[in-house]
């Protein structure tokens, strides 16, 4: 009886040991994919932050590019505003200077006919008439002094007389009254001055009335 019990125990032990070995091998085979899956998951977890950093870097780069463009646009607008302001200041300064320089223009134009009258009076008296009449000579002298004094005032205020005889016609300073052919002179040359002109600081306040040579 005891022998049968020992044999039964021995068989049970071998069966249990065999079952344990088979289970161990199965568990080992099953654990390998689990470990591999865990490793892959760990690698994915490690890769995700890197991808996230690259996305964040791209977003920051895009924002930086946008900000750089915005700064460039603002700088361009600022420089344009500075240029516009400088142009306005220069125009205002020029207008102020012109207003000071040409403030007497209207008054000067009113005096030009007075100069013309005095000039005509001087031209109307000949040298023979002055010799024949002392009173007429004294009158001529007084008119001449008045005329010279007036033109000294003109000169102090930069009002200059222009007598463009034999000069090239310039529509800014000259007014053509007639044209005549003259083979001895180049076309466009002023061959006769009917009335002298005047300029104020190089600005024409009265163009000279002239006759011009035309092409034959």
N, C-alpha and C. Protein backbone atom coordinates (compact mmCIF):
# COMPACT_ATOMS: atom_id res chain seq x y z
N UNK A 1 0.83 -1.20 0.00
CA UNK A 1 0.00 0.00 0.00
C UNK A 1 0.86 1.24 0.00
N UNK A 2 1.87 1.23 0.80
CA UNK A 2 2.78 2.37 0.87
C UNK A 2 3.49 2.57 -0.45
N UNK A 3 3.83 1.50 -1.13
CA UNK A 3 4.50 1.59 -2.44
C UNK A 3 3.62 2.27 -3.46
N UNK A 4 2.34 1.92 -3.46
CA UNK A 4 1.40 2.54 -4.40
C UNK A 4 1.27 4.04 -4.15
N UNK A 5 1.28 4.40 -2.91
CA UNK A 5 1.17 5.85 -2.56
C UNK A 5 2.38 6.59 -3.05
N UNK A 6 3.59 5.99 -2.85
CA UNK A 6 4.81 6.67 -3.28
C UNK A 6 4.84 6.82 -4.79
N UNK A 7 4.38 5.79 -5.50
CA UNK A 7 4.37 5.85 -6.97
C UNK A 7 3.42 6.93 -7.43
N UNK A 8 2.26 7.01 -6.78
CA UNK A 8 1.28 8.04 -7.16
C UNK A 8 1.83 9.42 -6.91
N UNK A 9 2.50 9.60 -5.77
CA UNK A 9 3.09 10.90 -5.47
C UNK A 9 4.16 11.29 -6.49
N UNK A 10 4.97 10.27 -6.85
CA UNK A 10 6.05 10.56 -7.83
C UNK A 10 5.47 10.99 -9.16
N UNK A 11 4.44 10.31 -9.62
CA UNK A 11 3.81 10.69 -10.91
C UNK A 11 3.19 12.08 -10.84
N UNK A 12 2.56 12.36 -9.70
CA UNK A 12 1.94 13.69 -9.53
C UNK A 12 3.01 14.78 -9.54
N UNK A 13 4.15 14.46 -8.91
CA UNK A 13 5.24 15.45 -8.88
C UNK A 13 5.76 15.73 -10.27
N UNK A 14 5.99 14.65 -11.06
CA UNK A 14 6.48 14.85 -12.43
C UNK A 14 5.47 15.62 -13.28
N UNK A 15 4.20 15.32 -13.12
CA UNK A 15 3.17 16.05 -13.90
C UNK A 15 3.15 17.55 -13.53
N UNK A 16 3.27 17.80 -12.22
CA UNK A 16 3.27 19.20 -11.77
C UNK A 16 4.50 19.93 -12.28
N UNK A 17 5.64 19.27 -12.23
CA UNK A 17 6.88 19.90 -12.71
C UNK A 17 6.79 20.19 -14.19
N UNK A 18 6.23 19.21 -14.94
CA UNK A 18 6.08 19.40 -16.39
C UNK A 18 5.17 20.58 -16.68
N UNK A 19 4.07 20.64 -15.91
CA UNK A 19 3.11 21.75 -16.12
C UNK A 19 3.77 23.09 -15.83
N UNK A 20 4.58 23.13 -14.76
CA UNK A 20 5.27 24.40 -14.40
C UNK A 20 6.24 24.80 -15.51
N UNK A 21 6.99 23.84 -16.08
CA UNK A 21 7.95 24.17 -17.14
C UNK A 21 7.24 24.71 -18.35
N UNK A 22 6.14 24.04 -18.74
CA UNK A 22 5.37 24.51 -19.92
C UNK A 22 4.82 25.90 -19.68
N UNK A 23 4.31 26.15 -18.50
CA UNK A 23 3.78 27.47 -18.16
C UNK A 23 4.85 28.53 -18.18
N UNK A 24 6.04 28.16 -17.70
CA UNK A 24 7.15 29.13 -17.69
C UNK A 24 7.52 29.53 -19.11
N UNK A 25 7.62 28.45 -20.00
CA UNK A 25 7.98 28.79 -21.40
C UNK A 25 6.90 29.67 -22.03
N UNK A 26 5.64 29.37 -21.79
CA UNK A 26 4.54 30.17 -22.38
C UNK A 26 4.57 31.60 -21.87
N UNK A 27 4.83 31.73 -20.56
CA UNK A 27 4.90 33.08 -19.98
C UNK A 27 6.06 33.87 -20.55
N UNK A 28 7.19 33.17 -20.78
CA UNK A 28 8.36 33.85 -21.34
C UNK A 28 8.07 34.33 -22.75
N UNK A 29 7.42 33.41 -23.54
CA UNK A 29 7.10 33.80 -24.92
C UNK A 29 6.10 34.95 -24.95
N UNK A 30 5.17 34.97 -24.03
CA UNK A 30 4.14 36.03 -24.00
C UNK A 30 4.73 37.35 -23.53
N UNK A 31 5.69 37.30 -22.63
CA UNK A 31 6.25 38.52 -22.05
C UNK A 31 7.12 39.28 -23.03
N UNK A 32 7.72 38.56 -24.01
CA UNK A 32 8.59 39.25 -24.98
C UNK A 32 7.84 40.30 -25.79
N UNK A 33 6.66 39.98 -26.41
CA UNK A 33 5.91 41.04 -27.12
C UNK A 33 5.47 42.15 -26.20
N UNK A 34 5.15 41.81 -24.95
CA UNK A 34 4.73 42.85 -24.01
C UNK A 34 5.87 43.82 -23.76
N UNK A 35 7.09 43.23 -23.56
CA UNK A 35 8.25 44.08 -23.36
C UNK A 35 8.54 44.93 -24.58
N UNK A 36 8.40 44.28 -25.79
CA UNK A 36 8.64 45.04 -27.02
C UNK A 36 7.61 46.16 -27.16
N UNK A 37 6.32 45.86 -26.83
CA UNK A 37 5.29 46.89 -26.92
C UNK A 37 5.57 48.02 -25.96
N UNK A 38 6.03 47.67 -24.76
CA UNK A 38 6.35 48.70 -23.78
C UNK A 38 7.52 49.55 -24.25
N UNK A 39 8.50 48.89 -24.88
CA UNK A 39 9.65 49.63 -25.40
C UNK A 39 9.24 50.59 -26.50
N UNK A 40 8.37 50.07 -27.44
CA UNK A 40 7.89 50.93 -28.53
C UNK A 40 7.10 52.11 -27.99
N UNK A 41 6.27 51.82 -26.97
CA UNK A 41 5.47 52.90 -26.39
C UNK A 41 6.37 53.93 -25.74
N UNK A 42 7.42 53.43 -25.06
CA UNK A 42 8.36 54.35 -24.43
C UNK A 42 9.07 55.18 -25.47
N UNK A 43 9.47 54.54 -26.60
CA UNK A 43 10.12 55.29 -27.68
C UNK A 43 9.18 56.33 -28.26
N UNK A 44 7.90 55.94 -28.45
CA UNK A 44 6.92 56.90 -28.98
C UNK A 44 6.74 58.07 -28.02
N UNK A 45 6.72 57.72 -26.68
CA UNK A 45 6.58 58.79 -25.70
C UNK A 45 7.78 59.73 -25.75
N UNK A 46 8.97 59.12 -26.00
CA UNK A 46 10.16 59.97 -26.10
C UNK A 46 10.16 60.78 -27.40
N UNK A 47 9.57 60.24 -28.51
CA UNK A 47 9.58 60.95 -29.79
C UNK A 47 8.55 62.06 -29.83
N UNK A 48 7.47 61.91 -29.17
CA UNK A 48 6.40 62.92 -29.20
C UNK A 48 6.86 64.28 -28.72
N UNK A 49 7.59 64.43 -27.61
CA UNK A 49 8.05 65.76 -27.20
C UNK A 49 8.94 66.42 -28.24
N UNK A 50 9.76 65.65 -28.95
CA UNK A 50 10.61 66.22 -29.99
C UNK A 50 9.77 66.79 -31.13
N UNK A 51 8.75 66.01 -31.54
CA UNK A 51 7.87 66.50 -32.60
C UNK A 51 7.13 67.75 -32.15
N UNK A 52 6.73 67.74 -30.85
CA UNK A 52 6.04 68.91 -30.32
C UNK A 52 6.96 70.13 -30.31
N UNK A 53 8.21 69.94 -29.96
CA UNK A 53 9.17 71.05 -29.96
C UNK A 53 9.39 71.60 -31.36
N UNK A 54 9.44 70.70 -32.35
CA UNK A 54 9.60 71.16 -33.74
C UNK A 54 8.40 71.99 -34.18
N UNK A 55 7.20 71.56 -33.78
CA UNK A 55 6.00 72.32 -34.12
C UNK A 55 6.01 73.69 -33.45
N UNK A 56 6.42 73.69 -32.17
CA UNK A 56 6.49 74.96 -31.46
C UNK A 56 7.53 75.88 -32.09
N UNK A 57 8.66 75.30 -32.49
CA UNK A 57 9.71 76.09 -33.14
C UNK A 57 9.22 76.68 -34.46
N UNK A 58 8.48 75.89 -35.23
CA UNK A 58 7.93 76.39 -36.49
C UNK A 58 6.94 77.52 -36.25
N UNK A 59 6.14 77.38 -35.22
CA UNK A 59 5.16 78.42 -34.90
C UNK A 59 5.87 79.71 -34.47
N UNK A 60 6.91 79.57 -33.64
CA UNK A 60 7.68 80.74 -33.20
C UNK A 60 8.37 81.42 -34.39
N UNK A 61 8.91 80.57 -35.29
CA UNK A 61 9.57 81.12 -36.48
C UNK A 61 8.58 81.90 -37.34
N UNK A 62 7.36 81.38 -37.48
CA UNK A 62 6.33 82.08 -38.26
C UNK A 62 5.97 83.41 -37.61
N UNK A 63 5.82 83.39 -36.27
CA UNK A 63 5.52 84.63 -35.56
C UNK A 63 6.65 85.64 -35.70
N UNK A 64 7.89 85.15 -35.62
CA UNK A 64 9.05 86.04 -35.77
C UNK A 64 9.08 86.67 -37.15
N UNK A 65 8.83 85.87 -38.18
CA UNK A 65 8.79 86.40 -39.54
C UNK A 65 7.71 87.46 -39.69
N UNK A 66 6.55 87.20 -39.09
CA UNK A 66 5.45 88.16 -39.14
C UNK A 66 5.82 89.46 -38.43
N UNK A 67 6.47 89.33 -37.27
CA UNK A 67 6.87 90.51 -36.52
C UNK A 67 7.94 91.31 -37.27
N UNK A 68 8.88 90.60 -37.90
CA UNK A 68 9.91 91.29 -38.69
C UNK A 68 9.29 92.07 -39.84
N UNK A 69 8.32 91.46 -40.52
CA UNK A 69 7.63 92.16 -41.61
C UNK A 69 6.86 93.36 -41.09
N UNK A 70 6.24 93.19 -39.92
CA UNK A 70 5.49 94.30 -39.32
C UNK A 70 6.42 95.45 -38.97
N UNK A 71 7.58 95.13 -38.40
CA UNK A 71 8.56 96.17 -38.08
C UNK A 71 9.05 96.88 -39.34
N UNK A 72 9.30 96.09 -40.40
CA UNK A 72 9.74 96.69 -41.67
C UNK A 72 8.68 97.63 -42.24
N UNK A 73 7.43 97.21 -42.17
CA UNK A 73 6.34 98.07 -42.66
C UNK A 73 6.23 99.35 -41.83
N UNK A 74 6.33 99.20 -40.52
CA UNK A 74 6.24 100.38 -39.66
C UNK A 74 7.42 101.32 -39.88
N UNK A 75 8.61 100.76 -40.11
CA UNK A 75 9.78 101.59 -40.38
C UNK A 75 9.61 102.33 -41.70
N UNK A 76 9.07 101.64 -42.71
CA UNK A 76 8.83 102.29 -43.99
C UNK A 76 7.84 103.45 -43.85
N UNK A 77 6.76 103.21 -43.11
CA UNK A 77 5.78 104.27 -42.88
C UNK A 77 6.39 105.43 -42.11
N UNK A 78 7.24 105.09 -41.14
CA UNK A 78 7.89 106.13 -40.34
C UNK A 78 8.82 106.99 -41.19
N UNK A 79 9.60 106.33 -42.06
CA UNK A 79 10.51 107.07 -42.93
C UNK A 79 9.74 107.93 -43.92
N UNK A 80 8.62 107.41 -44.43
CA UNK A 80 7.79 108.21 -45.34
C UNK A 80 7.21 109.42 -44.61
N UNK A 81 6.78 109.20 -43.37
CA UNK A 81 6.24 110.33 -42.59
C UNK A 81 7.31 111.38 -42.33
N UNK A 82 8.54 110.92 -42.04
CA UNK A 82 9.63 111.86 -41.84
C UNK A 82 9.91 112.66 -43.12
N UNK A 83 9.92 111.95 -44.27
CA UNK A 83 10.18 112.62 -45.54
C UNK A 83 9.08 113.63 -45.85
N UNK A 84 7.83 113.22 -45.61
CA UNK A 84 6.72 114.15 -45.85
C UNK A 84 6.82 115.37 -44.95
N UNK A 85 7.16 115.14 -43.68
CA UNK A 85 7.32 116.26 -42.76
C UNK A 85 8.43 117.20 -43.18
N UNK A 86 9.54 116.61 -43.65
CA UNK A 86 10.67 117.43 -44.10
C UNK A 86 10.29 118.24 -45.33
N UNK A 87 9.56 117.60 -46.24
CA UNK A 87 9.11 118.32 -47.44
C UNK A 87 8.18 119.47 -47.08
N UNK A 88 7.29 119.21 -46.14
CA UNK A 88 6.37 120.27 -45.71
C UNK A 88 7.13 121.42 -45.07
N UNK A 89 8.13 121.10 -44.23
CA UNK A 89 8.94 122.15 -43.61
C UNK A 89 9.70 122.95 -44.65
N UNK A 90 10.27 122.24 -45.64
CA UNK A 90 11.01 122.95 -46.68
C UNK A 90 10.11 123.84 -47.51
N UNK A 91 8.91 123.32 -47.85
CA UNK A 91 7.97 124.15 -48.62
C UNK A 91 7.52 125.36 -47.82
N UNK A 92 7.24 125.14 -46.54
CA UNK A 92 6.82 126.25 -45.69
C UNK A 92 7.92 127.29 -45.57
N UNK A 93 9.16 126.80 -45.40
CA UNK A 93 10.29 127.72 -45.30
C UNK A 93 10.48 128.51 -46.59
N UNK A 94 10.34 127.80 -47.74
CA UNK A 94 10.49 128.48 -49.03
C UNK A 94 9.37 129.50 -49.24
N UNK A 95 8.15 129.13 -48.86
CA UNK A 95 7.03 130.05 -49.00
C UNK A 95 7.22 131.28 -48.12
N UNK A 96 7.75 131.05 -46.90
CA UNK A 96 7.99 132.17 -46.00
C UNK A 96 9.07 133.09 -46.57
N UNK A 97 10.14 132.49 -47.08
CA UNK A 97 11.21 133.30 -47.68
C UNK A 97 10.70 134.05 -48.90
N UNK A 98 9.91 133.36 -49.73
CA UNK A 98 9.36 134.03 -50.92
C UNK A 98 8.42 135.17 -50.54
N UNK A 99 7.63 134.93 -49.48
CA UNK A 99 6.71 135.99 -49.06
C UNK A 99 7.47 137.23 -48.59
N UNK A 100 8.64 137.01 -47.95
CA UNK A 100 9.45 138.15 -47.53
C UNK A 100 10.11 138.83 -48.73
N UNK A 101 10.61 138.00 -49.66
CA UNK A 101 11.34 138.56 -50.81
C UNK A 101 10.40 139.29 -51.76
N UNK A 102 9.25 138.66 -52.02
CA UNK A 102 8.35 139.20 -53.04
C UNK A 102 7.16 139.98 -52.46
N UNK A 103 7.28 140.35 -51.18
CA UNK A 103 6.19 141.09 -50.56
C UNK A 103 5.99 142.46 -51.20
N UNK A 104 7.06 143.00 -51.80
CA UNK A 104 6.97 144.33 -52.42
C UNK A 104 6.65 144.24 -53.91
N UNK A 105 6.35 143.04 -54.40
CA UNK A 105 6.16 142.88 -55.83
C UNK A 105 5.04 143.78 -56.36
N UNK A 106 3.91 143.78 -55.70
CA UNK A 106 2.79 144.60 -56.17
C UNK A 106 3.14 146.08 -56.14
N UNK A 107 3.80 146.52 -55.06
CA UNK A 107 4.20 147.92 -54.96
C UNK A 107 5.20 148.28 -56.05
N UNK A 108 6.16 147.36 -56.30
CA UNK A 108 7.16 147.62 -57.34
C UNK A 108 6.51 147.74 -58.71
N UNK A 109 5.55 146.89 -59.00
CA UNK A 109 4.87 146.96 -60.30
C UNK A 109 4.13 148.28 -60.47
N UNK A 110 3.63 148.84 -59.35
CA UNK A 110 2.94 150.14 -59.42
C UNK A 110 3.91 151.27 -59.73
N UNK A 111 5.18 151.11 -59.38
CA UNK A 111 6.17 152.16 -59.63
C UNK A 111 6.76 152.10 -61.03
N UNK A 112 6.60 150.98 -61.72
CA UNK A 112 7.21 150.85 -63.04
C UNK A 112 6.67 151.88 -64.04
N UNK A 113 5.38 152.15 -64.08
CA UNK A 113 4.90 153.21 -64.98
C UNK A 113 5.50 154.57 -64.67
N UNK A 114 5.79 154.85 -63.40
CA UNK A 114 6.44 156.12 -63.04
C UNK A 114 7.82 156.18 -63.66
N UNK A 115 8.55 155.07 -63.59
CA UNK A 115 9.87 155.02 -64.21
C UNK A 115 9.76 155.21 -65.72
N UNK A 116 8.72 154.59 -66.33
CA UNK A 116 8.54 154.75 -67.78
C UNK A 116 8.29 156.21 -68.16
N UNK A 117 7.47 156.88 -67.37
CA UNK A 117 7.15 158.29 -67.67
C UNK A 117 8.41 159.15 -67.56
N UNK A 118 9.19 158.95 -66.51
CA UNK A 118 10.43 159.71 -66.35
C UNK A 118 11.40 159.43 -67.49
N UNK A 119 11.47 158.17 -67.88
CA UNK A 119 12.37 157.79 -68.97
C UNK A 119 11.94 158.46 -70.28
N UNK A 120 10.64 158.47 -70.56
CA UNK A 120 10.13 159.11 -71.78
C UNK A 120 10.39 160.62 -71.74
N UNK A 121 10.24 161.22 -70.55
CA UNK A 121 10.50 162.66 -70.42
C UNK A 121 11.96 162.98 -70.73
N UNK A 122 12.86 162.15 -70.26
CA UNK A 122 14.28 162.37 -70.54
C UNK A 122 14.60 162.20 -72.02
N UNK A 123 13.96 161.19 -72.64
CA UNK A 123 14.22 160.95 -74.06
C UNK A 123 13.62 162.04 -74.96
N UNK A 124 12.59 162.73 -74.46
CA UNK A 124 11.90 163.73 -75.29
C UNK A 124 12.68 165.03 -75.44
N UNK A 125 13.67 165.24 -74.60
CA UNK A 125 14.47 166.48 -74.66
C UNK A 125 15.82 166.15 -75.30
N UNK A 126 16.10 166.83 -76.38
CA UNK A 126 17.36 166.59 -77.09
C UNK A 126 18.47 167.46 -76.51
N UNK A 127 19.68 167.14 -76.91
CA UNK A 127 20.84 167.91 -76.46
C UNK A 127 20.77 169.35 -76.98
N UNK A 128 20.31 169.55 -78.19
CA UNK A 128 20.21 170.90 -78.76
C UNK A 128 19.21 171.74 -77.99
N UNK A 129 18.07 171.12 -77.60
CA UNK A 129 17.07 171.85 -76.84
C UNK A 129 17.60 172.25 -75.47
N UNK A 130 18.40 171.41 -74.88
CA UNK A 130 18.98 171.77 -73.58
C UNK A 130 19.96 172.93 -73.71
N UNK A 131 20.69 172.96 -74.84
CA UNK A 131 21.63 174.05 -75.06
C UNK A 131 20.90 175.37 -75.33
N UNK A 132 19.78 175.28 -76.00
CA UNK A 132 19.03 176.48 -76.36
C UNK A 132 18.24 177.05 -75.18
N UNK A 133 17.81 176.18 -74.25
CA UNK A 133 16.98 176.65 -73.14
C UNK A 133 17.57 176.15 -71.82
N UNK A 134 17.98 177.13 -70.99
CA UNK A 134 18.54 176.78 -69.69
C UNK A 134 17.47 176.18 -68.79
N UNK A 135 16.24 176.71 -68.86
CA UNK A 135 15.16 176.19 -68.04
C UNK A 135 14.87 174.73 -68.41
N UNK A 136 14.89 174.49 -69.70
CA UNK A 136 14.65 173.11 -70.15
C UNK A 136 15.78 172.19 -69.71
N UNK A 137 17.00 172.73 -69.70
CA UNK A 137 18.14 171.94 -69.25
C UNK A 137 18.04 171.63 -67.76
N UNK A 138 17.60 172.65 -66.99
CA UNK A 138 17.42 172.43 -65.55
C UNK A 138 16.30 171.42 -65.28
N UNK A 139 15.23 171.50 -66.08
CA UNK A 139 14.15 170.54 -65.93
C UNK A 139 14.62 169.13 -66.24
N UNK A 140 15.41 169.00 -67.30
CA UNK A 140 15.95 167.68 -67.68
C UNK A 140 16.84 167.14 -66.57
N UNK A 141 17.62 168.02 -65.97
CA UNK A 141 18.51 167.58 -64.90
C UNK A 141 17.70 167.10 -63.69
N UNK A 142 16.64 167.84 -63.35
CA UNK A 142 15.81 167.44 -62.21
C UNK A 142 15.11 166.10 -62.45
N UNK A 143 14.60 165.94 -63.67
CA UNK A 143 13.96 164.67 -64.01
C UNK A 143 14.97 163.53 -63.98
N UNK A 144 16.18 163.81 -64.48
CA UNK A 144 17.23 162.80 -64.49
C UNK A 144 17.62 162.38 -63.07
N UNK A 145 17.71 163.34 -62.16
CA UNK A 145 18.04 163.03 -60.77
C UNK A 145 16.93 162.18 -60.14
N UNK A 146 15.69 162.54 -60.43
CA UNK A 146 14.56 161.76 -59.90
C UNK A 146 14.58 160.33 -60.43
N UNK A 147 14.83 160.22 -61.72
CA UNK A 147 14.88 158.89 -62.35
C UNK A 147 16.01 158.04 -61.75
N UNK A 148 17.18 158.64 -61.58
CA UNK A 148 18.32 157.91 -61.02
C UNK A 148 18.07 157.50 -59.57
N UNK A 149 17.44 158.41 -58.80
CA UNK A 149 17.13 158.10 -57.41
C UNK A 149 16.14 156.94 -57.31
N UNK A 150 15.15 156.96 -58.18
CA UNK A 150 14.16 155.88 -58.19
C UNK A 150 14.83 154.54 -58.49
N UNK A 151 15.75 154.53 -59.43
CA UNK A 151 16.40 153.27 -59.80
C UNK A 151 17.43 152.83 -58.76
N UNK A 152 17.94 153.74 -57.98
CA UNK A 152 18.77 153.33 -56.84
C UNK A 152 17.93 152.59 -55.80
N UNK A 153 16.71 153.08 -55.60
CA UNK A 153 15.78 152.37 -54.71
C UNK A 153 15.44 150.99 -55.28
N UNK A 154 15.20 150.94 -56.58
CA UNK A 154 14.96 149.65 -57.23
C UNK A 154 16.11 148.68 -56.99
N UNK A 155 17.32 149.18 -57.13
CA UNK A 155 18.50 148.33 -57.00
C UNK A 155 18.64 147.80 -55.58
N UNK A 156 18.35 148.64 -54.59
CA UNK A 156 18.45 148.19 -53.19
C UNK A 156 17.47 147.06 -52.90
N UNK A 157 16.36 147.04 -53.61
CA UNK A 157 15.35 146.00 -53.40
C UNK A 157 15.39 144.94 -54.51
N UNK A 158 16.51 144.87 -55.21
CA UNK A 158 16.75 143.84 -56.24
C UNK A 158 15.70 143.89 -57.36
N UNK A 159 15.31 145.10 -57.73
CA UNK A 159 14.44 145.28 -58.90
C UNK A 159 15.34 145.75 -60.03
N UNK A 160 15.48 144.91 -61.05
CA UNK A 160 16.42 145.18 -62.13
C UNK A 160 15.70 145.37 -63.46
N UNK A 161 16.22 146.33 -64.22
CA UNK A 161 15.69 146.60 -65.55
C UNK A 161 16.35 145.65 -66.55
N UNK A 162 15.59 145.12 -67.50
CA UNK A 162 16.14 144.26 -68.54
C UNK A 162 15.87 144.89 -69.91
N UNK A 163 16.95 145.01 -70.68
CA UNK A 163 16.87 145.53 -72.04
C UNK A 163 17.46 144.47 -72.95
N UNK A 164 16.63 143.56 -73.48
CA UNK A 164 17.13 142.33 -74.12
C UNK A 164 17.47 142.46 -75.61
N UNK A 165 17.86 143.62 -76.06
CA UNK A 165 18.17 143.79 -77.48
C UNK A 165 19.28 142.83 -77.91
N UNK A 166 19.06 142.14 -79.04
CA UNK A 166 20.00 141.18 -79.64
C UNK A 166 20.16 139.90 -78.79
N UNK A 167 19.31 139.71 -77.80
CA UNK A 167 19.33 138.47 -77.03
C UNK A 167 18.36 137.47 -77.63
N UNK A 168 18.47 136.22 -77.18
CA UNK A 168 17.56 135.17 -77.62
C UNK A 168 16.21 135.36 -76.92
N UNK A 169 15.13 135.17 -77.66
CA UNK A 169 13.80 135.36 -77.09
C UNK A 169 13.52 134.31 -76.02
N UNK A 170 13.02 134.78 -74.88
CA UNK A 170 12.66 133.92 -73.76
C UNK A 170 11.25 134.29 -73.32
N UNK A 171 10.29 133.38 -73.49
CA UNK A 171 8.89 133.73 -73.17
C UNK A 171 8.66 134.05 -71.70
N UNK A 172 9.60 133.67 -70.83
CA UNK A 172 9.45 133.98 -69.40
C UNK A 172 9.68 135.47 -69.15
N UNK A 173 10.64 136.05 -69.89
CA UNK A 173 11.02 137.44 -69.64
C UNK A 173 10.64 138.38 -70.78
N UNK A 174 10.19 137.82 -71.89
CA UNK A 174 9.90 138.66 -73.05
C UNK A 174 8.49 138.40 -73.58
N UNK A 175 7.92 139.42 -74.16
CA UNK A 175 6.60 139.32 -74.79
C UNK A 175 6.74 139.78 -76.24
N UNK A 176 6.54 138.87 -77.17
CA UNK A 176 6.71 139.19 -78.59
C UNK A 176 5.50 139.99 -79.09
N UNK A 177 5.79 141.17 -79.63
CA UNK A 177 4.72 142.02 -80.17
C UNK A 177 4.57 141.86 -81.68
N UNK A 178 5.68 141.54 -82.34
CA UNK A 178 5.64 141.31 -83.79
C UNK A 178 6.87 140.51 -84.18
N UNK A 179 6.84 139.99 -85.40
CA UNK A 179 7.96 139.23 -85.97
C UNK A 179 8.28 139.79 -87.36
N UNK A 180 9.55 139.91 -87.64
CA UNK A 180 9.98 140.40 -88.95
C UNK A 180 11.15 139.54 -89.44
N UNK A 181 11.24 139.32 -90.73
CA UNK A 181 12.40 138.57 -91.25
C UNK A 181 13.64 139.46 -91.30
N UNK A 182 14.77 138.88 -90.98
CA UNK A 182 16.04 139.61 -91.03
C UNK A 182 17.14 138.59 -91.31
N UNK A 183 17.58 138.48 -92.56
CA UNK A 183 18.60 137.49 -92.92
C UNK A 183 19.92 137.66 -92.18
N UNK A 184 20.18 138.87 -91.70
CA UNK A 184 21.45 139.12 -91.02
C UNK A 184 21.47 138.62 -89.57
N UNK A 185 20.29 138.22 -89.04
CA UNK A 185 20.22 137.76 -87.66
C UNK A 185 19.56 136.38 -87.58
N UNK A 186 19.91 135.68 -86.55
CA UNK A 186 19.38 134.33 -86.35
C UNK A 186 17.91 134.41 -85.94
N UNK A 187 17.07 133.52 -86.47
CA UNK A 187 15.66 133.52 -86.07
C UNK A 187 15.51 133.33 -84.56
N UNK A 188 14.57 134.09 -83.98
CA UNK A 188 14.37 134.04 -82.54
C UNK A 188 15.15 135.10 -81.79
N UNK A 189 15.93 135.91 -82.51
CA UNK A 189 16.69 136.98 -81.88
C UNK A 189 15.82 138.22 -81.74
N UNK A 190 15.98 138.89 -80.62
CA UNK A 190 15.22 140.13 -80.39
C UNK A 190 15.90 141.26 -81.15
N UNK A 191 15.19 141.85 -82.09
CA UNK A 191 15.77 142.90 -82.91
C UNK A 191 15.24 144.29 -82.57
N UNK A 192 14.21 144.36 -81.69
CA UNK A 192 13.68 145.65 -81.30
C UNK A 192 13.02 145.54 -79.93
N UNK A 193 13.25 146.57 -79.07
CA UNK A 193 12.65 146.61 -77.73
C UNK A 193 11.69 147.79 -77.69
N UNK A 194 10.41 147.46 -77.55
CA UNK A 194 9.38 148.49 -77.49
C UNK A 194 9.25 149.03 -76.07
N UNK A 195 9.30 148.15 -75.10
CA UNK A 195 9.22 148.54 -73.69
C UNK A 195 10.12 147.63 -72.88
N UNK A 196 10.96 148.21 -72.05
CA UNK A 196 11.87 147.41 -71.23
C UNK A 196 11.09 146.64 -70.16
N UNK A 197 11.71 145.55 -69.73
CA UNK A 197 11.08 144.73 -68.69
C UNK A 197 11.79 144.88 -67.36
N UNK A 198 11.22 144.26 -66.33
CA UNK A 198 11.80 144.32 -64.99
C UNK A 198 11.69 142.96 -64.32
N UNK A 199 12.69 142.66 -63.48
CA UNK A 199 12.67 141.43 -62.69
C UNK A 199 12.89 141.78 -61.23
N UNK A 200 12.28 140.99 -60.35
CA UNK A 200 12.46 141.13 -58.90
C UNK A 200 13.05 139.82 -58.39
N UNK A 201 14.31 139.88 -57.97
CA UNK A 201 15.02 138.68 -57.52
C UNK A 201 14.91 137.58 -58.59
N UNK A 202 15.21 137.92 -59.80
CA UNK A 202 15.19 137.00 -60.95
C UNK A 202 13.80 136.55 -61.36
N UNK A 203 12.75 137.05 -60.72
CA UNK A 203 11.38 136.74 -61.13
C UNK A 203 10.86 137.90 -61.97
N UNK A 204 10.32 137.55 -63.10
CA UNK A 204 9.80 138.58 -64.00
C UNK A 204 8.54 139.20 -63.40
N UNK A 205 8.58 140.53 -63.22
CA UNK A 205 7.37 141.23 -62.77
C UNK A 205 6.75 142.03 -63.92
N UNK A 206 7.54 142.21 -65.00
CA UNK A 206 6.97 142.76 -66.23
C UNK A 206 7.84 142.32 -67.39
N UNK A 207 7.30 141.52 -68.31
CA UNK A 207 8.12 141.10 -69.45
C UNK A 207 8.39 142.27 -70.41
N UNK A 208 9.53 142.23 -71.03
CA UNK A 208 9.86 143.25 -72.01
C UNK A 208 9.08 143.01 -73.28
N UNK A 209 8.52 144.06 -73.84
CA UNK A 209 7.78 143.96 -75.10
C UNK A 209 8.78 144.15 -76.24
N UNK A 210 8.85 143.14 -77.11
CA UNK A 210 9.93 143.11 -78.10
C UNK A 210 9.41 142.70 -79.48
N UNK A 211 10.26 142.99 -80.47
CA UNK A 211 10.08 142.45 -81.82
C UNK A 211 11.11 141.38 -82.06
N UNK A 212 10.70 140.28 -82.71
CA UNK A 212 11.56 139.11 -82.84
C UNK A 212 11.78 138.80 -84.32
N UNK A 213 12.99 138.34 -84.62
CA UNK A 213 13.33 137.92 -85.98
C UNK A 213 12.69 136.56 -86.26
N UNK A 214 12.02 136.45 -87.37
CA UNK A 214 11.42 135.17 -87.75
C UNK A 214 12.18 134.57 -88.91
N UNK A 215 11.93 133.33 -89.20
CA UNK A 215 12.59 132.66 -90.31
C UNK A 215 12.12 133.24 -91.64
N UNK A 216 13.06 133.36 -92.52
CA UNK A 216 12.71 133.93 -93.84
C UNK A 216 11.89 132.95 -94.66
